[in-house]
N, C-alpha and C. Protein backbone atom coordinates (compact mmCIF):
# COMPACT_ATOMS: atom_id res chain seq x y z
N UNK A 1 0.59 -0.97 -0.04
CA UNK A 1 0.20 0.06 -0.21
C UNK A 1 1.18 1.33 0.08
N UNK A 2 0.75 2.31 -0.82
CA UNK A 2 1.25 3.65 -0.91
C UNK A 2 0.86 4.25 0.31
N UNK A 3 2.32 5.05 1.03
CA UNK A 3 2.03 5.64 2.27
C UNK A 3 1.51 7.27 2.01
N UNK A 4 1.69 7.79 0.73
CA UNK A 4 0.88 8.63 0.57
C UNK A 4 -0.20 8.94 -0.69
N UNK A 5 -0.95 9.89 -0.68
CA UNK A 5 -2.12 9.95 -1.74
C UNK A 5 -2.52 11.24 -1.39
N UNK A 6 -3.95 11.33 -2.32
CA UNK A 6 -4.81 12.28 -2.41
C UNK A 6 -6.27 11.67 -2.27
N UNK A 7 -7.01 12.38 -1.48
CA UNK A 7 -8.44 11.91 -1.79
C UNK A 7 -9.39 12.96 -1.46
N UNK A 8 -10.53 12.94 -2.21
CA UNK A 8 -11.49 14.37 -2.37
C UNK A 8 -12.96 13.83 -2.17
N UNK A 9 -13.70 14.74 -2.27
CA UNK A 9 -14.94 14.49 -2.36
C UNK A 9 -15.58 15.98 -2.73
N UNK A 10 -16.79 15.78 -3.60
CA UNK A 10 -17.09 17.29 -4.43
C UNK A 10 -18.70 17.07 -4.13
N UNK A 11 -19.28 17.94 -4.04
CA UNK A 11 -20.92 18.04 -3.79
C UNK A 11 -21.24 19.58 -4.22
N UNK A 12 -22.44 19.35 -4.74
CA UNK A 12 -23.24 20.76 -4.89
C UNK A 12 -23.51 21.31 -3.42
N UNK A 13 -23.79 22.83 -3.78
CA UNK A 13 -24.07 23.83 -2.24
C UNK A 13 -25.11 24.12 -2.63
N UNK A 14 -26.24 24.75 -1.69
CA UNK A 14 -26.82 25.72 -1.72
C UNK A 14 -26.81 27.15 -1.32
N UNK A 15 -25.90 27.23 -0.36
CA UNK A 15 -25.60 28.46 -0.30
C UNK A 15 -24.49 28.95 -1.32
N UNK A 16 -24.30 30.29 -1.05
CA UNK A 16 -23.35 30.98 -2.20
C UNK A 16 -21.89 30.74 -1.97
N UNK A 17 -21.16 30.77 -3.04
CA UNK A 17 -19.56 30.77 -2.89
C UNK A 17 -19.32 31.85 -1.79
N UNK A 18 -19.71 32.84 -2.15
CA UNK A 18 -19.29 34.12 -1.18
C UNK A 18 -19.48 33.56 0.65
N UNK A 19 -20.72 33.37 0.73
CA UNK A 19 -21.02 32.96 1.80
C UNK A 19 -20.14 31.98 2.47
N UNK A 20 -20.05 30.97 1.93
CA UNK A 20 -18.65 29.81 2.11
C UNK A 20 -17.37 30.61 2.46
N UNK A 21 -17.07 31.06 1.27
CA UNK A 21 -15.64 31.53 1.57
C UNK A 21 -15.58 32.56 2.57
N UNK A 22 -16.34 33.07 2.85
CA UNK A 22 -16.10 34.31 4.06
C UNK A 22 -16.36 33.70 5.16
N UNK A 23 -16.98 32.47 5.46
CA UNK A 23 -17.23 31.66 6.69
C UNK A 23 -15.57 31.31 7.03
N UNK A 24 -14.88 30.72 5.82
CA UNK A 24 -14.12 29.88 6.27
C UNK A 24 -12.57 30.92 5.91
N UNK A 25 -13.01 31.76 5.51
CA UNK A 25 -11.65 33.02 5.47
C UNK A 25 -11.87 33.88 6.69
N UNK A 26 -13.03 34.28 6.87
CA UNK A 26 -12.90 35.52 7.75
C UNK A 26 -13.71 35.16 9.40
N UNK A 27 -14.28 34.01 9.29
CA UNK A 27 -15.13 33.70 10.53
C UNK A 27 -15.04 32.24 10.75
N UNK A 28 -14.03 31.57 10.86
CA UNK A 28 -13.42 30.12 10.95
C UNK A 28 -14.04 29.96 12.46
N UNK A 29 -13.87 30.77 13.33
CA UNK A 29 -14.26 30.45 14.76
C UNK A 29 -15.52 30.07 15.23
N UNK A 30 -16.48 30.31 13.85
CA UNK A 30 -17.86 30.15 14.12
C UNK A 30 -18.24 28.56 13.84
N UNK A 31 -17.24 28.03 13.06
CA UNK A 31 -17.70 26.72 12.58
C UNK A 31 -17.87 25.63 13.79
N UNK A 32 -17.14 25.82 14.95
CA UNK A 32 -17.50 25.18 15.99
C UNK A 32 -18.65 25.44 16.60
N UNK A 33 -19.55 26.34 16.53
CA UNK A 33 -20.91 26.80 16.81
C UNK A 33 -22.06 25.93 15.52
N UNK A 34 -21.35 25.63 14.53
CA UNK A 34 -22.31 25.45 13.58
C UNK A 34 -22.59 23.40 13.62
N UNK A 35 -21.09 23.14 13.58
CA UNK A 35 -20.73 21.72 13.34
C UNK A 35 -20.93 20.92 14.93
N UNK A 36 -21.83 20.08 14.85
CA UNK A 36 -21.92 19.49 16.16
C UNK A 36 -20.70 18.44 16.02
N UNK A 37 -20.09 17.90 14.90
CA UNK A 37 -18.54 17.30 15.32
C UNK A 37 -17.53 18.10 15.56
N UNK A 38 -17.42 19.31 15.61
CA UNK A 38 -16.32 20.16 15.87
C UNK A 38 -16.57 20.40 17.46
N UNK A 39 -15.61 20.12 18.19
CA UNK A 39 -15.60 20.67 19.65
C UNK A 39 -14.36 21.34 20.09
N UNK A 40 -14.00 22.27 20.74
CA UNK A 40 -13.05 22.90 21.34
C UNK A 40 -12.18 23.34 20.13
N UNK A 41 -12.24 24.74 19.71
CA UNK A 41 -11.27 25.24 18.81
C UNK A 41 -10.90 26.49 19.23
N UNK A 42 -9.56 26.80 19.47
CA UNK A 42 -8.96 28.11 20.04
C UNK A 42 -7.77 28.40 19.44
N UNK A 43 -7.68 29.82 19.17
CA UNK A 43 -5.84 30.40 18.61
C UNK A 43 -5.12 29.69 19.38
N UNK A 44 -4.05 29.34 18.65
CA UNK A 44 -2.72 28.92 19.45
C UNK A 44 -1.66 29.86 19.17
N UNK A 45 -1.32 30.26 17.94
CA UNK A 45 -0.61 31.53 17.55
C UNK A 45 -1.29 32.28 16.53
N UNK A 46 -1.02 33.76 16.46
CA UNK A 46 -1.52 34.51 15.50
C UNK A 46 -3.39 34.61 15.55
N UNK A 47 -4.01 34.47 14.70
CA UNK A 47 -5.47 34.87 14.95
C UNK A 47 -6.26 33.90 14.14
N UNK A 48 -7.35 34.06 13.94
CA UNK A 48 -8.10 33.26 13.25
C UNK A 48 -8.11 33.21 11.67
N UNK A 49 -7.63 33.92 11.19
CA UNK A 49 -7.90 34.46 9.55
C UNK A 49 -6.29 34.40 8.93
N UNK A 50 -5.44 34.63 9.34
CA UNK A 50 -4.24 34.99 8.76
C UNK A 50 -3.35 33.90 8.37
N UNK A 51 -2.76 33.93 7.23
CA UNK A 51 -1.74 32.63 6.98
C UNK A 51 -0.55 32.68 7.73
N UNK A 52 -0.27 31.41 8.25
CA UNK A 52 0.58 31.12 9.13
C UNK A 52 0.08 31.14 10.94
N UNK A 53 -1.34 31.46 10.90
CA UNK A 53 -1.50 31.20 12.26
C UNK A 53 -2.08 29.75 12.49
N UNK A 54 -2.05 29.79 13.85
CA UNK A 54 -2.04 28.05 14.42
C UNK A 54 -3.46 27.99 15.46
N UNK A 55 -4.48 27.03 14.97
CA UNK A 55 -5.40 26.68 15.74
C UNK A 55 -5.13 25.64 16.35
N UNK A 56 -5.80 25.13 17.56
CA UNK A 56 -6.02 23.65 18.23
C UNK A 56 -7.53 23.52 17.86
N UNK A 57 -7.71 22.17 17.70
CA UNK A 57 -9.09 21.91 17.18
C UNK A 57 -9.27 20.23 17.93
N UNK A 58 -10.49 20.01 18.14
CA UNK A 58 -10.85 18.86 18.31
C UNK A 58 -11.89 18.35 17.36
N UNK A 59 -12.15 17.43 16.59
CA UNK A 59 -13.14 16.89 15.86
C UNK A 59 -13.56 15.45 16.14
N UNK A 60 -14.46 15.14 15.89
CA UNK A 60 -15.15 13.83 16.35
C UNK A 60 -15.20 13.10 15.35
N UNK A 61 -14.51 12.12 15.05
CA UNK A 61 -14.03 11.41 14.08
C UNK A 61 -14.22 9.67 14.28
N UNK A 62 -15.18 9.29 13.43
CA UNK A 62 -15.50 7.69 13.85
C UNK A 62 -15.89 7.58 15.16
N UNK A 63 -16.98 8.84 15.87
CA UNK A 63 -17.17 8.50 17.14
C UNK A 63 -16.13 8.93 18.32
N UNK A 64 -14.90 9.25 17.96
CA UNK A 64 -14.12 9.64 19.03
C UNK A 64 -13.48 11.21 18.74
N UNK A 65 -13.04 11.60 19.70
CA UNK A 65 -12.20 12.79 19.76
C UNK A 65 -10.92 12.79 19.18
N UNK A 66 -10.60 13.61 18.24
CA UNK A 66 -9.38 13.56 17.65
C UNK A 66 -8.47 14.98 17.66
N UNK A 67 -7.69 15.48 18.62
CA UNK A 67 -7.01 16.54 18.54
C UNK A 67 -6.06 16.91 17.38
N UNK A 68 -6.02 18.00 17.36
CA UNK A 68 -4.87 18.21 16.26
C UNK A 68 -4.23 19.67 16.09
N UNK A 69 -3.25 20.15 15.80
CA UNK A 69 -3.35 21.69 15.17
C UNK A 69 -3.44 21.81 13.97
N UNK A 70 -3.73 23.04 13.42
CA UNK A 70 -4.20 23.45 12.04
C UNK A 70 -3.44 24.64 11.97
N UNK A 71 -2.80 24.87 10.51
CA UNK A 71 -2.14 26.11 10.16
C UNK A 71 -2.69 26.51 8.76
N UNK A 72 -2.87 27.62 8.85
CA UNK A 72 -3.35 28.28 7.34
C UNK A 72 -2.14 28.58 6.53
N UNK A 73 -2.05 27.86 5.23
CA UNK A 73 -1.07 27.69 4.52
C UNK A 73 -1.22 28.74 3.41
N UNK A 74 -2.48 28.94 2.53
CA UNK A 74 -2.60 29.60 1.60
C UNK A 74 -4.15 29.99 1.65
N UNK A 75 -4.23 31.56 1.15
CA UNK A 75 -5.74 31.78 0.77
C UNK A 75 -5.64 32.46 -0.63
N UNK A 76 -6.41 31.89 -1.21
CA UNK A 76 -6.42 32.39 -2.98
C UNK A 76 -7.91 33.34 -2.95
N UNK A 77 -8.27 34.30 -2.56
CA UNK A 77 -9.54 35.27 -2.72
C UNK A 77 -9.86 34.94 -4.14
N UNK A 78 -9.49 35.13 -5.41
CA UNK A 78 -9.83 35.21 -6.80
C UNK A 78 -10.23 34.02 -7.08
N UNK A 79 -9.39 32.71 -6.69
CA UNK A 79 -9.86 31.42 -7.23
C UNK A 79 -10.80 30.84 -6.11
N UNK A 80 -10.95 31.21 -4.80
CA UNK A 80 -11.94 30.80 -3.69
C UNK A 80 -11.28 29.46 -3.18
N UNK A 81 -9.88 29.59 -3.02
CA UNK A 81 -9.45 28.36 -2.25
C UNK A 81 -8.80 28.68 -0.91
N UNK A 82 -9.09 27.57 0.08
CA UNK A 82 -8.03 27.98 1.00
C UNK A 82 -7.36 26.30 1.33
N UNK A 83 -6.05 26.65 1.88
CA UNK A 83 -5.23 25.44 2.40
C UNK A 83 -4.85 25.54 3.52
N UNK A 84 -5.05 24.40 4.27
CA UNK A 84 -4.80 24.18 5.72
C UNK A 84 -3.68 23.19 6.01
N UNK A 85 -2.65 23.15 6.80
CA UNK A 85 -1.94 21.79 7.33
C UNK A 85 -2.31 21.60 8.61
N UNK A 86 -2.77 19.90 8.93
CA UNK A 86 -2.96 19.80 10.14
C UNK A 86 -1.75 18.71 10.45
N UNK A 87 -1.61 18.93 11.90
CA UNK A 87 -0.24 18.30 12.44
C UNK A 87 -0.42 18.09 14.05
N UNK A 88 0.21 17.30 14.70
CA UNK A 88 0.52 16.89 15.97
C UNK A 88 -0.69 16.09 16.79
N UNK A 89 -0.29 16.17 17.97
CA UNK A 89 -1.37 15.52 19.12
C UNK A 89 -1.91 14.49 18.33
N UNK A 90 -3.17 13.87 18.32
CA UNK A 90 -3.72 12.58 17.74
C UNK A 90 -3.53 12.37 16.43
N UNK A 91 -3.59 13.36 15.55
CA UNK A 91 -3.63 13.22 14.07
C UNK A 91 -2.35 12.93 13.79
N UNK A 92 -1.19 13.69 14.55
CA UNK A 92 0.18 13.28 14.22
C UNK A 92 0.78 11.98 14.46
N UNK A 93 -0.37 11.11 15.22
CA UNK A 93 0.23 9.75 15.36
C UNK A 93 -0.09 8.81 13.84
N UNK A 94 -0.95 9.34 13.21
CA UNK A 94 -1.30 8.47 12.05
C UNK A 94 -0.73 9.26 10.48
N UNK A 95 -0.79 10.28 10.83
CA UNK A 95 -0.17 11.02 9.31
C UNK A 95 1.35 11.94 9.47
N UNK A 96 2.01 11.81 8.61
CA UNK A 96 3.11 12.94 8.71
C UNK A 96 2.69 14.10 7.93
N UNK A 97 1.74 13.91 7.13
CA UNK A 97 1.45 15.16 6.13
C UNK A 97 0.04 15.01 6.08
N UNK A 98 -0.62 15.97 6.12
CA UNK A 98 -2.23 16.19 6.07
C UNK A 98 -2.59 17.61 6.01
N UNK A 99 -2.83 17.76 4.53
CA UNK A 99 -3.04 18.84 3.94
C UNK A 99 -4.32 18.95 3.42
N UNK A 100 -5.24 20.09 3.73
CA UNK A 100 -6.59 20.04 3.50
C UNK A 100 -6.69 21.37 2.35
N UNK A 101 -7.63 21.20 1.48
CA UNK A 101 -7.85 22.38 0.78
C UNK A 101 -9.36 22.24 0.42
N UNK A 102 -9.65 23.39 0.68
CA UNK A 102 -11.33 23.86 0.08
C UNK A 102 -11.11 24.33 -1.02
N UNK A 103 -11.98 24.13 -2.28
CA UNK A 103 -12.40 24.92 -3.26
C UNK A 103 -13.59 24.97 -3.73
N UNK A 104 -14.09 26.21 -4.16
CA UNK A 104 -15.29 26.38 -4.29
C UNK A 104 -15.48 26.99 -5.76
N UNK A 105 -16.51 26.29 -6.57
CA UNK A 105 -16.40 26.81 -7.98
C UNK A 105 -17.77 26.91 -8.76
N UNK A 106 -17.95 27.53 -9.48
CA UNK A 106 -19.27 27.71 -10.33
C UNK A 106 -19.18 26.58 -11.48
N UNK A 107 -20.30 25.71 -11.69
CA UNK A 107 -20.00 24.99 -13.01
C UNK A 107 -20.85 25.77 -14.14
N UNK A 108 -20.30 25.19 -15.22
CA UNK A 108 -21.01 26.00 -16.58
C UNK A 108 -22.57 26.19 -16.51
N UNK A 109 -23.48 25.19 -15.80
CA UNK A 109 -24.77 25.39 -15.71
C UNK A 109 -25.48 26.51 -14.74
N UNK A 110 -24.05 26.86 -13.97
CA UNK A 110 -24.75 27.82 -13.07
C UNK A 110 -24.45 27.24 -11.46
N UNK A 111 -24.39 25.91 -11.62
CA UNK A 111 -24.50 25.78 -10.16
C UNK A 111 -23.30 25.81 -9.51
N UNK A 112 -23.50 25.55 -8.05
CA UNK A 112 -21.99 26.03 -7.34
C UNK A 112 -21.53 24.52 -6.49
N UNK A 113 -20.59 24.33 -6.68
CA UNK A 113 -19.87 23.11 -6.00
C UNK A 113 -18.58 23.34 -4.92
N UNK A 114 -18.55 22.58 -4.17
CA UNK A 114 -17.53 22.69 -2.97
C UNK A 114 -16.70 21.49 -2.95
N UNK A 115 -15.49 21.80 -3.15
CA UNK A 115 -14.53 20.14 -3.21
C UNK A 115 -13.59 20.47 -1.98
N UNK A 116 -13.41 19.33 -1.32
CA UNK A 116 -12.54 19.05 -0.27
C UNK A 116 -11.43 18.21 -0.76
N UNK A 117 -10.11 18.46 -0.54
CA UNK A 117 -9.26 17.76 -0.99
C UNK A 117 -8.14 17.29 0.13
N UNK A 118 -7.72 16.24 0.76
CA UNK A 118 -6.89 15.86 1.54
C UNK A 118 -5.91 15.36 0.62
N UNK A 119 -4.51 15.87 1.06
CA UNK A 119 -3.21 15.38 0.33
C UNK A 119 -2.44 14.72 2.20
N UNK A 120 -2.17 13.61 2.10
CA UNK A 120 -1.53 12.65 3.08
C UNK A 120 -0.26 12.11 2.95
N UNK A 121 0.33 11.91 3.91
CA UNK A 121 1.30 10.60 3.89
C UNK A 121 1.15 10.17 5.51
N UNK A 122 0.58 8.51 5.43
CA UNK A 122 0.73 7.76 6.57
C UNK A 122 2.14 7.68 7.14
N UNK A 123 1.76 7.40 8.54
CA UNK A 123 3.13 7.43 9.29
C UNK A 123 3.68 5.91 9.12
N UNK A 124 2.43 4.99 8.81
CA UNK A 124 3.12 3.50 8.69
C UNK A 124 1.90 2.84 7.69
N UNK A 125 2.21 1.61 7.16
CA UNK A 125 1.23 0.93 6.20
C UNK A 125 0.06 0.76 7.04
N UNK A 126 -0.08 0.42 8.47
CA UNK A 126 -0.81 -0.09 9.35
C UNK A 126 -1.89 0.99 9.23
N UNK A 127 -1.81 2.25 9.10
CA UNK A 127 -2.83 3.38 9.03
C UNK A 127 -3.70 3.39 7.69
N UNK A 128 -4.84 3.58 7.86
CA UNK A 128 -6.02 3.79 6.75
C UNK A 128 -5.79 5.10 6.14
N UNK A 129 -5.92 5.14 5.09
CA UNK A 129 -6.26 6.66 4.16
C UNK A 129 -7.16 7.49 4.98
N UNK A 130 -7.04 8.59 4.92
CA UNK A 130 -8.40 9.49 5.90
C UNK A 130 -9.66 9.37 5.10
N UNK A 131 -10.22 8.24 4.87
CA UNK A 131 -11.77 8.23 4.45
C UNK A 131 -12.61 8.90 5.55
N UNK A 132 -12.31 8.44 6.65
CA UNK A 132 -13.20 8.91 7.82
C UNK A 132 -13.04 10.34 8.11
N UNK A 133 -12.30 11.27 7.46
CA UNK A 133 -11.81 12.31 7.39
C UNK A 133 -12.93 13.21 6.50
N UNK A 134 -12.82 12.64 5.17
CA UNK A 134 -13.80 12.54 4.00
C UNK A 134 -15.39 12.69 4.62
N UNK A 135 -15.69 12.08 5.43
CA UNK A 135 -16.90 11.48 5.85
C UNK A 135 -17.19 12.54 6.94
N UNK A 136 -16.27 12.97 7.76
CA UNK A 136 -16.26 14.28 8.38
C UNK A 136 -17.07 15.45 7.64
N UNK A 137 -15.94 15.76 6.70
CA UNK A 137 -16.18 16.76 6.09
C UNK A 137 -17.42 16.92 5.24
N UNK A 138 -17.95 15.64 4.64
CA UNK A 138 -19.29 15.84 3.89
C UNK A 138 -20.44 15.92 4.91
N UNK A 139 -20.30 15.52 6.03
CA UNK A 139 -21.30 15.23 7.23
C UNK A 139 -21.33 17.08 7.72
N UNK A 140 -20.12 17.40 7.91
CA UNK A 140 -19.97 18.89 8.84
C UNK A 140 -20.64 19.68 7.55
N UNK A 141 -20.01 19.50 6.34
CA UNK A 141 -20.65 20.63 5.12
C UNK A 141 -21.98 20.69 5.09
N UNK A 142 -22.61 19.79 5.19
CA UNK A 142 -24.30 19.78 5.02
C UNK A 142 -24.52 20.40 6.22
N UNK A 143 -23.99 20.44 7.27
CA UNK A 143 -24.65 21.36 8.56
C UNK A 143 -24.19 22.52 8.29
N UNK A 144 -22.82 23.01 7.71
CA UNK A 144 -22.49 24.67 7.34
C UNK A 144 -23.65 24.78 6.14
N UNK A 145 -23.89 24.38 5.50
CA UNK A 145 -24.50 24.79 4.21
C UNK A 145 -25.86 24.87 4.65
N UNK A 146 -26.65 24.33 5.42
CA UNK A 146 -27.87 24.57 5.95
C UNK A 146 -28.06 25.54 6.81
N UNK A 147 -26.64 25.84 7.59
CA UNK A 147 -26.67 27.27 8.47
C UNK A 147 -26.71 28.51 7.80
N UNK A 148 -25.76 28.42 6.50
CA UNK A 148 -25.59 29.46 5.42
C UNK A 148 -26.86 29.68 4.59
N UNK A 149 -27.65 29.11 4.58
CA UNK A 149 -28.81 28.92 3.79
C UNK A 149 -29.96 29.74 4.50
N UNK A 150 -29.84 29.34 5.88
CA UNK A 150 -30.91 29.99 6.74
C UNK A 150 -30.37 31.42 7.30
N UNK A 151 -29.06 31.90 7.20
CA UNK A 151 -28.72 32.80 7.77
C UNK A 151 -29.15 34.11 7.24
């Protein structure tokens, strides 16, 4: 089994690209109040929305709390993409590299889609690829979309 790879999930969104991008770029601290699978989030270094800032998070993955740190690596306002690296604590015991990218796009038919991509490197071949994180992102994104539509 390869120790590194990339997995992604893409789906249509009801809220606007602008609403999604604003939430994850300028108001990331609100995600913990929207998603039941996000517990405890706080700034470790910097702030919530500047490249290089580091936050501590606890997510519920497969029914268990998973702690990690997250750092904003890149923000592209014109392409509506944000890239974060996740590391340390519980997550660091499974992954040497864990990079998450959010992409928001408009399709030719005018519909809008969200794509999450995880680039990863496992610590060893006994660790599974991060499919449970894709499930977390899928379910949490549905909560966020509902929240943004109702906002």
